[in-house]
Protein backbone atom coordinates (compact mmCIF):
# COMPACT_ATOMS: atom_id res chain seq x y z
CA MET A 1 0.63 89.37 -31.15
CA VAL A 2 3.32 87.61 -33.19
CA ALA A 3 4.70 89.26 -36.33
CA VAL A 4 5.11 87.04 -39.40
CA ALA A 5 7.15 88.56 -42.24
CA ILE A 6 5.53 87.98 -45.65
CA MET A 7 6.73 88.66 -49.18
CA TRP A 8 5.20 88.17 -52.62
CA ASP A 9 6.37 85.58 -55.12
CA GLU A 10 7.39 86.81 -58.55
CA GLY A 11 4.27 87.25 -60.71
CA ALA A 12 1.82 87.09 -57.79
CA ASP A 13 -1.31 89.24 -57.92
CA ARG A 14 -0.66 91.72 -55.11
CA ASP A 15 -4.16 93.18 -55.46
CA LEU A 16 -5.49 90.10 -53.62
CA GLY A 17 -3.88 91.41 -50.45
CA LEU A 18 -2.14 89.67 -47.59
CA PRO A 19 -3.79 87.00 -45.44
CA HIS A 20 -6.31 88.56 -43.09
CA TYR A 21 -8.71 87.63 -40.32
CA ALA A 22 -12.35 87.85 -41.45
CA SER A 23 -13.61 88.79 -37.98
CA ALA A 24 -12.25 90.11 -34.70
CA GLY A 25 -12.50 86.66 -33.09
CA ALA A 26 -11.18 84.63 -36.02
CA ALA A 27 -8.39 82.18 -35.16
CA GLY A 28 -7.36 81.67 -38.79
CA ALA A 29 -6.34 84.14 -41.47
CA ASP A 30 -7.74 83.44 -44.94
CA LEU A 31 -5.40 82.36 -47.74
CA ARG A 32 -6.33 82.94 -51.39
CA ALA A 33 -5.49 81.09 -54.58
CA ASN A 34 -3.02 83.26 -56.44
CA PHE A 35 -2.31 81.88 -59.89
CA PRO A 36 0.49 83.69 -61.77
CA ASP A 37 -1.56 83.47 -65.00
CA ARG A 38 -4.73 84.64 -63.13
CA GLY A 39 -6.39 81.39 -64.26
CA SER A 40 -8.10 78.59 -62.37
CA VAL A 41 -7.88 74.85 -61.67
CA VAL A 42 -10.77 72.41 -62.03
CA LEU A 43 -10.73 69.59 -59.48
CA ALA A 44 -12.70 66.50 -60.44
CA PRO A 45 -14.18 64.45 -57.58
CA GLY A 46 -11.30 62.75 -55.76
CA ALA A 47 -8.65 64.95 -57.39
CA ARG A 48 -6.14 67.12 -55.57
CA ALA A 49 -3.81 69.92 -56.59
CA LEU A 50 -1.17 72.19 -55.12
CA ILE A 51 -2.66 75.68 -55.21
CA PRO A 52 -0.23 78.62 -55.04
CA THR A 53 -0.88 81.53 -52.70
CA GLY A 54 1.79 83.82 -54.17
CA LEU A 55 3.35 84.19 -50.72
CA ARG A 56 6.51 83.35 -48.80
CA MET A 57 6.90 83.75 -45.05
CA ALA A 58 9.45 84.05 -42.28
CA ILE A 59 7.77 82.46 -39.26
CA PRO A 60 9.46 83.34 -35.96
CA GLU A 61 11.48 80.58 -34.29
CA GLY A 62 9.34 78.76 -31.73
CA TYR A 63 6.22 79.02 -33.92
CA GLU A 64 4.64 77.18 -36.83
CA VAL A 65 1.87 78.01 -39.26
CA GLN A 66 -0.91 75.43 -39.49
CA ILE A 67 -2.94 75.26 -42.70
CA ARG A 68 -6.56 74.18 -42.26
CA PRO A 69 -9.64 73.80 -44.47
CA ARG A 70 -12.40 76.39 -44.64
CA SER A 71 -15.58 74.94 -43.18
CA GLY A 72 -17.88 76.52 -45.77
CA LEU A 73 -15.99 74.95 -48.69
CA ALA A 74 -15.98 71.60 -46.90
CA LEU A 75 -19.70 71.63 -46.16
CA LYS A 76 -20.98 73.05 -49.45
CA HIS A 77 -18.55 71.47 -51.92
CA GLY A 78 -16.51 68.76 -50.15
CA ILE A 79 -13.31 70.78 -50.58
CA THR A 80 -10.75 69.86 -47.95
CA LEU A 81 -7.01 69.66 -47.32
CA PRO A 82 -5.77 66.05 -47.22
CA ASN A 83 -2.86 66.75 -44.87
CA THR A 84 -4.86 68.72 -42.32
CA PRO A 85 -3.46 70.42 -40.47
CA GLY A 86 -0.52 71.10 -42.72
CA THR A 87 2.51 72.46 -40.88
CA ILE A 88 4.88 75.12 -42.15
CA ASP A 89 8.09 75.14 -40.12
CA SER A 90 9.81 78.32 -38.99
CA ASP A 91 12.89 77.62 -41.13
CA TYR A 92 10.99 77.17 -44.44
CA ARG A 93 11.32 80.08 -46.87
CA GLY A 94 9.88 78.64 -50.08
CA PRO A 95 6.56 79.38 -51.77
CA LEU A 96 3.42 78.74 -49.75
CA GLY A 97 1.19 76.28 -51.57
CA VAL A 98 -1.95 74.57 -50.28
CA ILE A 99 -2.82 70.97 -51.17
CA VAL A 100 -6.55 71.10 -51.96
CA MET A 101 -8.68 67.98 -52.49
CA ASN A 102 -12.19 67.57 -53.84
CA ALA A 103 -13.97 65.03 -51.64
CA GLY A 104 -17.30 66.09 -53.11
CA GLN A 105 -19.50 64.56 -55.80
CA GLU A 106 -19.05 67.25 -58.48
CA SER A 107 -16.14 69.06 -60.09
CA PHE A 108 -15.06 72.23 -58.33
CA THR A 109 -13.24 75.20 -59.85
CA VAL A 110 -10.60 76.87 -57.73
CA ALA A 111 -10.64 80.38 -59.16
CA HIS A 112 -7.93 83.01 -58.89
CA GLY A 113 -8.58 84.96 -55.69
CA GLU A 114 -10.75 82.23 -54.10
CA ARG A 115 -10.32 81.81 -50.33
CA ILE A 116 -9.00 78.24 -50.16
CA ALA A 117 -7.71 77.72 -46.62
CA GLN A 118 -6.93 79.41 -43.37
CA MET A 119 -3.65 79.67 -41.52
CA ILE A 120 -3.13 79.57 -37.78
CA VAL A 121 0.07 80.83 -36.12
CA ALA A 122 0.81 78.54 -33.17
CA PRO A 123 3.62 78.03 -30.65
CA VAL A 124 5.77 74.91 -30.95
CA VAL A 125 7.33 72.96 -28.13
CA GLN A 126 10.13 70.60 -29.08
CA SER A 127 10.66 67.53 -26.90
CA ALA A 128 13.62 65.54 -25.69
CA PHE A 129 12.93 61.87 -26.49
CA GLU A 130 14.32 59.29 -24.11
CA LEU A 131 14.21 55.53 -24.41
CA VAL A 132 12.78 53.72 -21.35
CA GLU A 133 12.14 50.08 -20.44
CA SER A 134 8.48 50.63 -19.40
CA LEU A 135 5.80 53.32 -19.30
CA PRO A 136 3.78 54.46 -16.28
CA GLU A 137 0.38 52.76 -15.89
CA THR A 138 -2.93 54.63 -16.50
CA LEU A 139 -6.60 53.69 -16.10
CA ARG A 140 -7.00 53.59 -19.89
CA GLY A 141 -3.92 51.48 -20.42
CA GLU A 142 -3.63 50.12 -23.97
CA GLY A 143 -7.25 50.85 -24.93
CA GLY A 144 -7.23 52.20 -28.48
CA PHE A 145 -9.75 53.54 -30.97
CA GLY A 146 -13.18 53.83 -29.37
CA SER A 147 -12.07 52.32 -26.07
CA THR A 148 -13.35 55.25 -23.99
CA GLY A 149 -16.94 54.75 -25.18
CA THR A 150 -19.39 56.95 -27.01
CA ARG A 151 -20.68 59.05 -24.10
């Protein structure tokens, strides 16, 4: 288990609690909308907004936090995250906000305390990039989108 240090933003509703896993096998911990004024935001179809969580984190070096949509909100209301998965780097210490988008057909209200996303703590491997004159051949070669078939 990896420890992630979390602190509250000024004015955040601490009664909402810290991110938590909804089940023993859950990969993602739920994040909640935490509006300083305890209000809400209405997203018209196609609209997006930065939703505050009231949190800041210190992610250990060698890890990232990925922000992903909640499947229930996506299926029932078309609520998604346009930059999925969003990445929070280990050296970021600012407020944690989630970009939420309404891809549905009707307006959606993001209420204070609503579970809006989930976060995954994942290891990061940084690469050394080297310029070469050619790349090794593969069976696929330059085949792009859809080139491996549908079955």
